[in-house]
Amino acid sequence: MALVELIMPKMGESIMEATILTWLKKPGDKIEADESVLEVATDKVDTEVPSTHGGILKEILAKEGEVVKVGKAIAIITTDATDTKVPVAPAAEVKQVPSAEVKVAAPALATNGTNHAHATDYKSSTRFYSPLVKNIAKEEKIAVAELETISGSGADGRVTKKDILSYVQHRKLGQSISIGRSSAAPLVPASINSGDEIIQMDRMRKMIAERMVDSKRISPHVTSFVEADVTNIFFWRSKVKGEFQRREGDALTFTPIFMEAIVLAIKDYPMINIQVDGDRIIKKKEINIGMAVALPSGNLIVPVIKNADQYNLSGLAKAVNDLVKRARENKLKPDDLAGGTYTMSNVGTFGNVMGTPIIMQPQVGILAIGAIQKKPAVIETPYGDAIAIRHKMFLSHSYDHRVVDGALGGSFVRRVADYLEKFDINRSI
């Protein structure tokens, strides 16, 4: 018999830690290789972690609710030492425990000066801290674990002098603050009366709330609106969706059609496909389109179609359907949510005619698609103007006014509408 450590796997390039949600097995349970052992949550997605070996779960090293860094041991598994053909999950690493007597200590989360000599040894942290930030943290006896909870406003999320000084100030006052929002207005207490129901936010809702507030704090939002005539698209889709369903086994929604127009407009206006890093503008080579998906829980998630410009319309339809399905079944992987360069949100699915969406940081633009409505409109004919019933919808483009001015933001959404209005009704899919 041999003992191996089950390691917290790497679940994406930017994922450095995960929170243990639920252990699906308990000590003494038999585990098959690749069988799910626990559920974890990252700042991007909830997912299951499979076992790298078959055997018996000997010991759990990380409790539910605990935040564990990638590469740390979370459990000990007793395996058959002679079994050398056990499949290993590609996402995780396995470390052989050299001794039969395994002693793996969980990291000590000392705060407020407890075990200060070790607590302020920032070499153990995987995050970068400037010497100034480290000195302030040491003087204030801020432990490593506590320091790592501070969300930075600097490049790549680095903690700045302003961030840590604000944290220290509120810490001394004993106030509960929303970390990383030094400029946020003080919260106004809610009034609670008899009969009111108190609902605790779940983890995802807390995350959404924090990111929305951060985005409004970071980016001065401006929104431009355009009304587009999508009559040709409406009737073309009605004509081909049945054939597409029979041939591909998939539904043809409006989303991939709208996404195709956005991709074409980004190619015409590449300065919409940028990110801001301090005083630098990063012009992105890839066009990765995120799409907001409403979950059965009422929360929102934004999976990303990578290199959307390399798909034809049929490919976009399949990619959209796949991500939406997996999002609603809680089967997305962290990489499915990473790398977006521009986002779209179809508020029309809720019957809304328009919206003012909030930018997904560090992107600089997001487009909301409104409901398609029948409207009387003036159209030009060879015999003069006439009034006809047309299918129209509003496009709402919110953009970061630090780097996108009205001319660019307005021209971009107008170009998206142009591509939709010039849609070829004779095209095949």
Protein backbone atom coordinates (compact mmCIF):
# COMPACT_ATOMS: atom_id res chain seq x y z
CA MET A 1 0.00 0.00 0.00
CA ALA A 2 1.10 3.57 -0.64
CA LEU A 3 -0.08 7.01 0.29
CA VAL A 4 -0.49 9.85 -2.23
CA GLU A 5 -1.58 13.43 -1.82
CA LEU A 6 -4.53 14.75 -3.78
CA ILE A 7 -3.43 18.19 -4.95
CA MET A 8 -5.59 21.22 -5.67
CA PRO A 9 -5.36 21.22 -9.49
CA LYS A 10 -4.61 24.15 -11.75
CA MET A 11 -7.92 25.22 -13.31
CA GLY A 12 -6.87 28.03 -15.61
CA GLU A 13 -3.95 30.38 -16.19
CA SER A 14 -5.23 33.11 -13.87
CA ILE A 15 -6.62 30.80 -11.17
CA MET A 16 -4.32 30.74 -8.13
CA GLU A 17 -6.70 29.42 -5.46
CA ALA A 18 -10.08 27.81 -4.94
CA THR A 19 -12.61 27.50 -2.14
CA ILE A 20 -13.69 24.06 -0.95
CA LEU A 21 -17.48 23.94 -1.34
CA THR A 22 -18.44 20.33 -0.60
CA TRP A 23 -16.64 17.06 -0.03
CA LEU A 24 -18.45 14.36 -2.00
CA LYS A 25 -16.54 11.61 -0.15
CA LYS A 26 -15.65 11.09 3.51
CA PRO A 27 -12.66 9.39 5.11
CA GLY A 28 -12.88 5.63 4.65
CA ASP A 29 -14.80 5.83 1.37
CA LYS A 30 -13.55 3.94 -1.65
CA ILE A 31 -12.63 6.14 -4.62
CA GLU A 32 -12.21 5.21 -8.25
CA ALA A 33 -9.66 6.97 -10.46
CA ASP A 34 -11.24 10.04 -12.12
CA GLU A 35 -14.21 9.89 -9.75
CA SER A 36 -15.30 13.29 -8.40
CA VAL A 37 -14.17 13.74 -4.80
CA LEU A 38 -15.14 17.32 -4.02
CA GLU A 39 -16.65 20.50 -5.44
CA VAL A 40 -14.64 23.72 -5.45
CA ALA A 41 -15.33 27.31 -6.40
CA THR A 42 -12.96 29.76 -8.06
CA ASP A 43 -13.59 33.42 -8.84
CA LYS A 44 -14.81 32.24 -12.25
CA VAL A 45 -16.76 29.00 -11.90
CA ASP A 46 -17.79 26.12 -9.65
CA THR A 47 -16.42 22.73 -10.65
CA GLU A 48 -15.73 19.20 -9.42
CA VAL A 49 -12.25 17.82 -8.71
CA PRO A 50 -11.64 14.19 -9.74
CA SER A 51 -9.37 11.77 -7.92
CA THR A 52 -6.03 11.11 -9.57
CA HIS A 53 -5.82 7.60 -8.11
CA GLY A 54 -8.13 4.82 -7.08
CA GLY A 55 -8.05 3.75 -3.44
CA ILE A 56 -9.41 4.72 -0.03
CA LEU A 57 -9.80 8.32 1.14
CA LYS A 58 -7.60 8.27 4.25
CA GLU A 59 -7.67 11.90 5.37
CA ILE A 60 -9.16 15.25 4.39
CA LEU A 61 -6.70 18.12 4.78
CA ALA A 62 -8.88 21.08 3.77
CA LYS A 63 -12.24 21.78 5.32
CA GLU A 64 -15.35 23.01 3.53
CA GLY A 65 -15.21 26.78 3.16
CA GLU A 66 -11.41 26.84 3.27
CA VAL A 67 -9.49 28.69 0.54
CA VAL A 68 -6.66 26.56 -0.84
CA LYS A 69 -3.90 27.57 -3.22
CA VAL A 70 -3.28 25.65 -6.41
CA GLY A 71 -0.67 22.92 -5.83
CA LYS A 72 -1.48 22.43 -2.13
CA ALA A 73 -2.49 19.02 -0.76
CA ILE A 74 -6.17 18.71 0.08
CA ALA A 75 -6.46 15.00 0.92
CA ILE A 76 -4.52 11.77 1.44
CA ILE A 77 -5.46 8.65 -0.52
CA THR A 78 -4.36 5.09 0.30
CA THR A 79 -3.58 3.26 -2.94
CA ASP A 80 -2.27 -0.08 -4.11
CA ALA A 81 1.46 0.50 -4.61
CA THR A 82 1.66 -2.23 -7.24
CA ASP A 83 -0.95 -0.56 -9.43
CA THR A 84 1.12 1.44 -11.90
CA LYS A 85 -1.57 1.83 -14.55
CA VAL A 86 -3.91 4.09 -12.69
CA PRO A 87 -5.04 6.91 -15.01
CA VAL A 88 -4.13 10.38 -13.84
CA ALA A 89 -6.46 13.31 -14.41
CA PRO A 90 -4.68 15.79 -16.69
CA ALA A 91 -5.72 18.83 -14.69
CA ALA A 92 -4.14 17.74 -11.42
CA GLU A 93 -0.70 16.85 -10.16
CA VAL A 94 0.13 13.94 -7.84
CA LYS A 95 2.88 13.94 -5.25
CA GLN A 96 4.07 10.64 -3.79
CA VAL A 97 4.27 10.77 -0.02
CA PRO A 98 7.66 9.25 0.88
CA SER A 99 6.71 8.02 4.33
CA ALA A 100 3.90 5.76 5.48
CA GLU A 101 3.37 8.19 8.34
CA VAL A 102 1.97 11.23 6.55
CA LYS A 103 2.01 14.59 8.31
CA VAL A 104 0.79 17.40 6.11
CA ALA A 105 0.09 20.59 8.00
CA ALA A 106 -2.60 22.95 6.78
CA PRO A 107 -1.32 26.52 6.34
CA ALA A 108 -1.68 28.57 9.48
CA LEU A 109 -3.95 31.58 8.95
CA ALA A 110 -2.46 33.78 11.65
CA THR A 111 -3.77 37.34 11.81
CA ASN A 112 -3.32 40.48 13.85
CA GLY A 113 0.21 39.63 14.88
CA THR A 114 -0.27 36.00 15.95
CA ASN A 115 2.83 33.95 15.05
CA HIS A 116 4.10 37.20 13.58
CA ALA A 117 7.54 35.93 12.58
CA HIS A 118 6.01 33.42 10.19
CA ALA A 119 2.84 35.34 9.34
CA THR A 120 4.78 38.16 7.66
CA ASP A 121 7.13 35.94 5.66
CA TYR A 122 5.71 37.04 2.32
CA LYS A 123 8.03 34.75 0.36
CA SER A 124 5.38 32.05 0.69
CA SER A 125 2.86 34.16 -1.23
CA THR A 126 2.34 33.62 -4.96
CA ARG A 127 1.25 37.25 -5.43
CA PHE A 128 3.62 40.14 -6.14
CA TYR A 129 3.91 42.86 -3.51
CA SER A 130 6.14 45.90 -3.78
CA PRO A 131 8.72 46.46 -1.00
CA LEU A 132 6.66 49.45 0.19
CA VAL A 133 3.49 47.37 0.51
CA LYS A 134 5.41 44.63 2.35
CA ASN A 135 6.92 47.12 4.79
CA ILE A 136 3.51 48.63 5.57
CA ALA A 137 2.06 45.15 6.06
CA LYS A 138 4.87 44.17 8.43
CA GLU A 139 4.54 47.37 10.46
CA GLU A 140 0.81 46.81 10.81
CA LYS A 141 1.33 43.09 11.57
CA ILE A 142 -0.81 42.00 8.64
CA ALA A 143 -0.39 38.26 8.09
CA VAL A 144 0.17 36.76 4.67
CA ALA A 145 -3.29 35.21 4.62
CA GLU A 146 -4.86 38.56 5.52
CA LEU A 147 -2.79 40.47 2.96
CA GLU A 148 -3.88 38.11 0.22
CA THR A 149 -7.54 38.98 0.81
CA ILE A 150 -6.94 42.56 -0.31
CA SER A 151 -8.00 43.11 -3.93
CA GLY A 152 -5.58 45.50 -5.60
CA SER A 153 -6.49 48.36 -7.93
CA GLY A 154 -3.10 48.34 -9.66
CA ALA A 155 -1.98 46.57 -12.83
CA ASP A 156 -2.90 42.87 -12.87
CA GLY A 157 -4.72 43.34 -9.56
CA ARG A 158 -1.59 44.37 -7.65
CA VAL A 159 -2.06 45.90 -4.21
CA THR A 160 -0.97 49.54 -4.26
CA LYS A 161 0.11 51.82 -1.43
CA LYS A 162 -3.32 53.45 -1.54
CA ASP A 163 -5.07 50.07 -1.28
CA ILE A 164 -3.18 48.89 1.79
CA LEU A 165 -3.28 52.25 3.59
CA SER A 166 -7.05 52.37 3.10
CA TYR A 167 -7.32 48.82 4.40
CA VAL A 168 -5.17 49.65 7.44
CA GLN A 169 -7.25 52.76 8.20
CA HIS A 170 -10.54 50.86 8.21
CA ARG A 171 -8.94 47.95 10.05
CA LYS A 172 -7.86 50.22 12.88
CA LEU A 173 -11.31 51.71 13.09
CA GLY A 174 -12.73 48.21 13.31
CA GLN A 175 -14.99 48.89 10.34
CA SER A 176 -16.14 46.26 7.90
CA ILE A 177 -15.28 47.42 4.42
CA SER A 178 -15.53 46.06 0.93
CA ILE A 179 -11.90 45.28 0.21
CA GLY A 180 -10.35 47.12 -2.72
CA ARG A 181 -12.97 49.89 -2.83
CA SER A 182 -11.32 52.72 -0.96
CA SER A 183 -13.40 55.32 -2.80
CA ALA A 184 -16.76 53.61 -2.25
CA ALA A 185 -19.49 55.59 -0.52
CA PRO A 186 -20.45 54.42 2.98
CA LEU A 187 -23.24 51.88 3.02
CA VAL A 188 -26.67 53.02 4.19
CA PRO A 189 -28.20 50.49 6.62
CA ALA A 190 -31.36 48.83 5.36
CA SER A 191 -34.55 49.15 7.38
CA ILE A 192 -35.99 45.82 8.51
CA ASN A 193 -39.58 45.57 9.59
CA SER A 194 -41.75 42.78 10.94
CA GLY A 195 -42.63 40.30 8.21
CA ASP A 196 -39.64 41.18 6.00
CA GLU A 197 -37.74 38.20 4.61
CA ILE A 198 -33.95 38.25 4.90
CA ILE A 199 -32.17 36.38 2.10
CA GLN A 200 -28.43 35.79 2.41
CA MET A 201 -26.52 36.40 -0.84
CA ASP A 202 -24.92 33.26 -2.23
CA ARG A 203 -21.25 33.24 -3.24
CA MET A 204 -21.92 33.99 -6.89
CA ARG A 205 -24.22 36.91 -6.15
CA LYS A 206 -21.60 38.43 -3.83
CA MET A 207 -19.04 38.06 -6.59
CA ILE A 208 -21.32 39.69 -9.18
CA ALA A 209 -22.09 42.56 -6.81
CA GLU A 210 -18.42 43.21 -6.13
CA ARG A 211 -17.45 43.15 -9.80
CA MET A 212 -20.28 45.44 -10.86
CA VAL A 213 -19.34 48.03 -8.23
CA ASP A 214 -15.67 47.71 -9.20
CA SER A 215 -16.48 48.25 -12.88
CA LYS A 216 -18.49 51.42 -12.21
CA ARG A 217 -15.68 52.68 -9.99
CA ILE A 218 -12.98 51.93 -12.57
CA SER A 219 -14.67 52.99 -15.81
CA PRO A 220 -16.67 56.14 -16.56
CA HIS A 221 -19.57 54.55 -18.44
CA VAL A 222 -21.19 56.18 -21.48
CA THR A 223 -23.98 54.51 -23.48
CA SER A 224 -24.93 55.11 -27.13
CA PHE A 225 -28.15 53.79 -28.67
CA VAL A 226 -29.06 52.79 -32.23
CA GLU A 227 -32.27 51.30 -33.60
CA ALA A 228 -31.71 48.59 -36.20
CA ASP A 229 -34.12 47.18 -38.78
CA VAL A 230 -33.72 43.38 -38.57
CA THR A 231 -36.67 42.42 -40.77
CA ASN A 232 -34.48 40.48 -43.20
CA ILE A 233 -32.84 38.57 -40.36
CA PHE A 234 -36.19 37.78 -38.74
CA PHE A 235 -37.67 36.22 -41.88
CA TRP A 236 -34.42 34.51 -42.94
CA ARG A 237 -34.11 32.77 -39.59
CA SER A 238 -37.76 31.71 -39.72
CA LYS A 239 -37.07 30.15 -43.12
CA VAL A 240 -33.89 28.21 -42.27
CA LYS A 241 -34.18 27.32 -38.55
CA GLY A 242 -36.18 24.13 -39.18
CA GLU A 243 -33.65 22.81 -41.68
CA PHE A 244 -30.77 23.73 -39.35
CA GLN A 245 -32.43 21.89 -36.45
CA ARG A 246 -32.92 18.72 -38.52
CA ARG A 247 -29.40 18.78 -39.94
CA GLU A 248 -27.40 19.83 -36.88
CA GLY A 249 -29.68 18.80 -34.03
CA ASP A 250 -29.30 22.34 -32.66
CA ALA A 251 -31.50 25.41 -32.46
CA LEU A 252 -30.64 28.49 -34.50
CA THR A 253 -31.17 31.50 -32.24
CA PHE A 254 -30.59 35.17 -32.98
CA THR A 255 -27.50 35.28 -30.74
CA PRO A 256 -24.92 33.92 -33.23
CA ILE A 257 -26.27 36.28 -35.92
CA PHE A 258 -25.82 39.27 -33.62
CA MET A 259 -22.41 37.99 -32.57
CA GLU A 260 -21.28 37.72 -36.19
CA ALA A 261 -22.20 41.39 -36.77
CA ILE A 262 -20.28 42.42 -33.62
CA VAL A 263 -17.18 40.54 -34.79
CA LEU A 264 -17.32 42.23 -38.22
CA ALA A 265 -17.68 45.65 -36.58
CA ILE A 266 -14.72 44.96 -34.27
CA LYS A 267 -12.60 44.23 -37.34
CA ASP A 268 -13.62 47.64 -38.70
CA TYR A 269 -13.02 49.36 -35.33
CA PRO A 270 -10.22 47.38 -33.60
CA MET A 271 -9.79 50.07 -30.92
CA ILE A 272 -12.97 48.72 -29.32
CA ASN A 273 -11.13 45.43 -28.77
CA ILE A 274 -8.70 46.84 -26.20
CA GLN A 275 -7.91 46.77 -22.50
CA VAL A 276 -6.45 49.40 -20.15
CA ASP A 277 -3.35 48.73 -18.06
CA GLY A 278 -2.53 51.86 -16.09
CA ASP A 279 -1.57 54.42 -18.72
CA ARG A 280 -1.10 51.75 -21.39
CA ILE A 281 -3.66 50.56 -23.93
CA ILE A 282 -3.46 46.88 -24.84
CA LYS A 283 -4.79 46.27 -28.33
CA LYS A 284 -5.96 42.65 -28.35
CA LYS A 285 -5.12 40.42 -31.30
CA GLU A 286 -7.79 37.83 -30.55
CA ILE A 287 -11.50 38.58 -30.78
CA ASN A 288 -13.04 36.68 -27.86
CA ILE A 289 -16.73 37.41 -27.39
CA GLY A 290 -18.35 36.92 -24.00
CA MET A 291 -22.11 36.45 -23.78
CA ALA A 292 -24.15 36.98 -20.66
CA VAL A 293 -26.20 33.89 -19.69
CA ALA A 294 -28.95 33.96 -17.07
CA LEU A 295 -28.82 30.91 -14.80
CA PRO A 296 -31.82 29.11 -13.25
CA SER A 297 -30.68 30.49 -9.86
CA GLY A 298 -31.22 34.03 -11.14
CA ASN A 299 -27.49 34.74 -11.22
CA LEU A 300 -25.54 35.72 -14.30
CA ILE A 301 -22.46 34.17 -15.88
CA VAL A 302 -20.45 35.19 -18.95
CA PRO A 303 -18.82 32.33 -20.92
CA VAL A 304 -16.50 33.29 -23.76
CA ILE A 305 -16.24 32.15 -27.38
CA LYS A 306 -12.53 32.30 -28.16
CA ASN A 307 -11.42 33.51 -31.61
CA ALA A 308 -15.02 34.17 -32.62
CA ASP A 309 -13.83 35.69 -35.90
CA GLN A 310 -12.65 32.25 -37.05
CA TYR A 311 -16.15 30.69 -36.96
CA ASN A 312 -18.75 30.72 -39.69
CA LEU A 313 -22.37 31.30 -38.68
CA SER A 314 -23.07 27.60 -38.23
CA GLY A 315 -19.98 27.23 -36.02
CA LEU A 316 -21.00 30.22 -33.91
CA ALA A 317 -24.47 28.74 -33.44
CA LYS A 318 -23.02 25.46 -32.17
CA ALA A 319 -20.53 27.21 -29.89
CA VAL A 320 -23.24 29.46 -28.43
CA ASN A 321 -25.60 26.54 -27.77
CA ASP A 322 -22.84 24.47 -26.17
CA LEU A 323 -21.78 27.21 -23.75
CA VAL A 324 -25.35 28.14 -22.82
CA LYS A 325 -26.24 24.49 -22.14
CA ARG A 326 -23.16 23.86 -20.02
CA ALA A 327 -23.61 27.16 -18.16
CA ARG A 328 -27.14 26.22 -17.11
CA GLU A 329 -26.02 22.74 -16.09
CA ASN A 330 -23.10 24.14 -14.04
CA LYS A 331 -20.59 22.31 -16.23
CA LEU A 332 -18.45 25.21 -17.41
CA LYS A 333 -14.70 25.07 -16.91
CA PRO A 334 -12.67 28.06 -15.68
CA ASP A 335 -11.13 28.55 -19.13
CA ASP A 336 -14.64 28.91 -20.60
CA LEU A 337 -14.98 32.15 -18.64
CA ALA A 338 -11.52 33.61 -19.23
CA GLY A 339 -9.98 35.77 -21.93
CA GLY A 340 -12.99 37.80 -23.10
CA THR A 341 -12.19 40.96 -25.09
CA TYR A 342 -15.75 42.20 -25.74
CA THR A 343 -19.15 41.21 -24.35
CA MET A 344 -22.75 41.10 -25.56
CA SER A 345 -25.91 40.76 -23.48
CA ASN A 346 -29.29 39.91 -25.00
CA VAL A 347 -31.73 41.73 -22.73
CA GLY A 348 -34.43 41.19 -25.34
CA THR A 349 -34.90 37.63 -24.07
CA PHE A 350 -36.58 39.18 -21.00
CA GLY A 351 -38.82 41.42 -23.11
CA ASN A 352 -36.67 44.52 -22.51
CA VAL A 353 -36.38 46.96 -25.41
CA MET A 354 -33.01 48.32 -24.28
CA GLY A 355 -30.58 48.42 -21.38
CA THR A 356 -27.45 50.15 -20.10
CA PRO A 357 -25.09 47.22 -19.44
CA ILE A 358 -22.07 47.40 -17.14
CA ILE A 359 -18.65 46.70 -18.66
CA MET A 360 -16.85 43.44 -17.86
CA GLN A 361 -13.41 44.56 -16.64
CA PRO A 362 -10.77 44.86 -18.07
CA GLN A 363 -12.74 45.19 -21.33
CA VAL A 364 -13.85 48.62 -22.53
CA GLY A 365 -17.20 47.87 -24.17
CA ILE A 366 -20.38 45.81 -23.92
CA LEU A 367 -23.41 45.70 -26.23
CA ALA A 368 -26.97 45.03 -25.07
CA ILE A 369 -29.43 43.63 -27.63
CA GLY A 370 -33.06 44.64 -27.11
CA ALA A 371 -36.30 42.84 -27.94
CA ILE A 372 -37.37 42.67 -31.59
CA GLN A 373 -40.63 44.56 -32.07
CA LYS A 374 -42.96 45.16 -34.99
CA LYS A 375 -43.15 48.87 -35.80
CA PRO A 376 -44.56 51.04 -38.58
CA ALA A 377 -41.63 52.60 -40.43
CA VAL A 378 -41.02 54.75 -43.49
CA ILE A 379 -39.21 52.77 -46.20
CA GLU A 380 -37.91 53.85 -49.57
CA THR A 381 -39.30 52.13 -52.68
CA PRO A 382 -38.77 52.71 -56.44
CA TYR A 383 -42.13 54.48 -56.37
CA GLY A 384 -41.40 56.72 -53.40
CA ASP A 385 -41.62 56.48 -49.64
CA ALA A 386 -44.10 54.12 -48.02
CA ILE A 387 -45.10 53.04 -44.53
CA ALA A 388 -44.58 49.36 -43.75
CA ILE A 389 -44.47 47.06 -40.74
CA ARG A 390 -40.82 46.31 -39.93
CA HIS A 391 -39.05 44.28 -37.24
CA LYS A 392 -36.82 46.60 -35.22
CA MET A 393 -34.68 46.50 -32.11
CA PHE A 394 -32.43 48.78 -30.08
CA LEU A 395 -28.70 48.26 -29.60
CA SER A 396 -27.21 49.81 -26.44
CA HIS A 397 -23.43 50.19 -26.40
CA SER A 398 -21.80 51.02 -23.03
CA TYR A 399 -18.12 51.94 -23.27
CA ASP A 400 -15.23 53.16 -21.13
CA HIS A 401 -14.94 56.91 -21.72
CA ARG A 402 -11.33 56.91 -20.50
CA VAL A 403 -10.24 55.45 -23.82
CA VAL A 404 -13.36 55.30 -26.04
CA ASP A 405 -14.86 58.63 -27.06
CA GLY A 406 -18.37 59.17 -28.40
CA ALA A 407 -17.25 59.16 -32.03
CA LEU A 408 -15.72 55.68 -31.75
CA GLY A 409 -18.35 54.25 -29.38
CA GLY A 410 -21.23 55.59 -31.45
CA SER A 411 -19.69 54.64 -34.82
CA PHE A 412 -19.08 51.11 -33.63
CA VAL A 413 -22.68 50.42 -32.60
CA ARG A 414 -23.89 52.06 -35.81
CA ARG A 415 -21.66 49.71 -37.79
CA VAL A 416 -23.10 46.68 -35.96
CA ALA A 417 -26.58 47.88 -36.95
CA ASP A 418 -25.43 48.36 -40.56
CA TYR A 419 -24.23 44.75 -40.78
CA LEU A 420 -27.54 43.53 -39.35
CA GLU A 421 -29.59 45.63 -41.75
CA LYS A 422 -27.55 44.50 -44.77
CA PHE A 423 -27.90 40.82 -43.89
CA ASP A 424 -27.99 38.65 -47.02
CA ILE A 425 -31.37 36.87 -47.08
CA ASN A 426 -30.09 34.47 -49.75
CA ARG A 427 -27.19 33.10 -47.73
CA SER A 428 -27.08 29.47 -46.70
CA ILE A 429 -26.10 28.00 -43.36
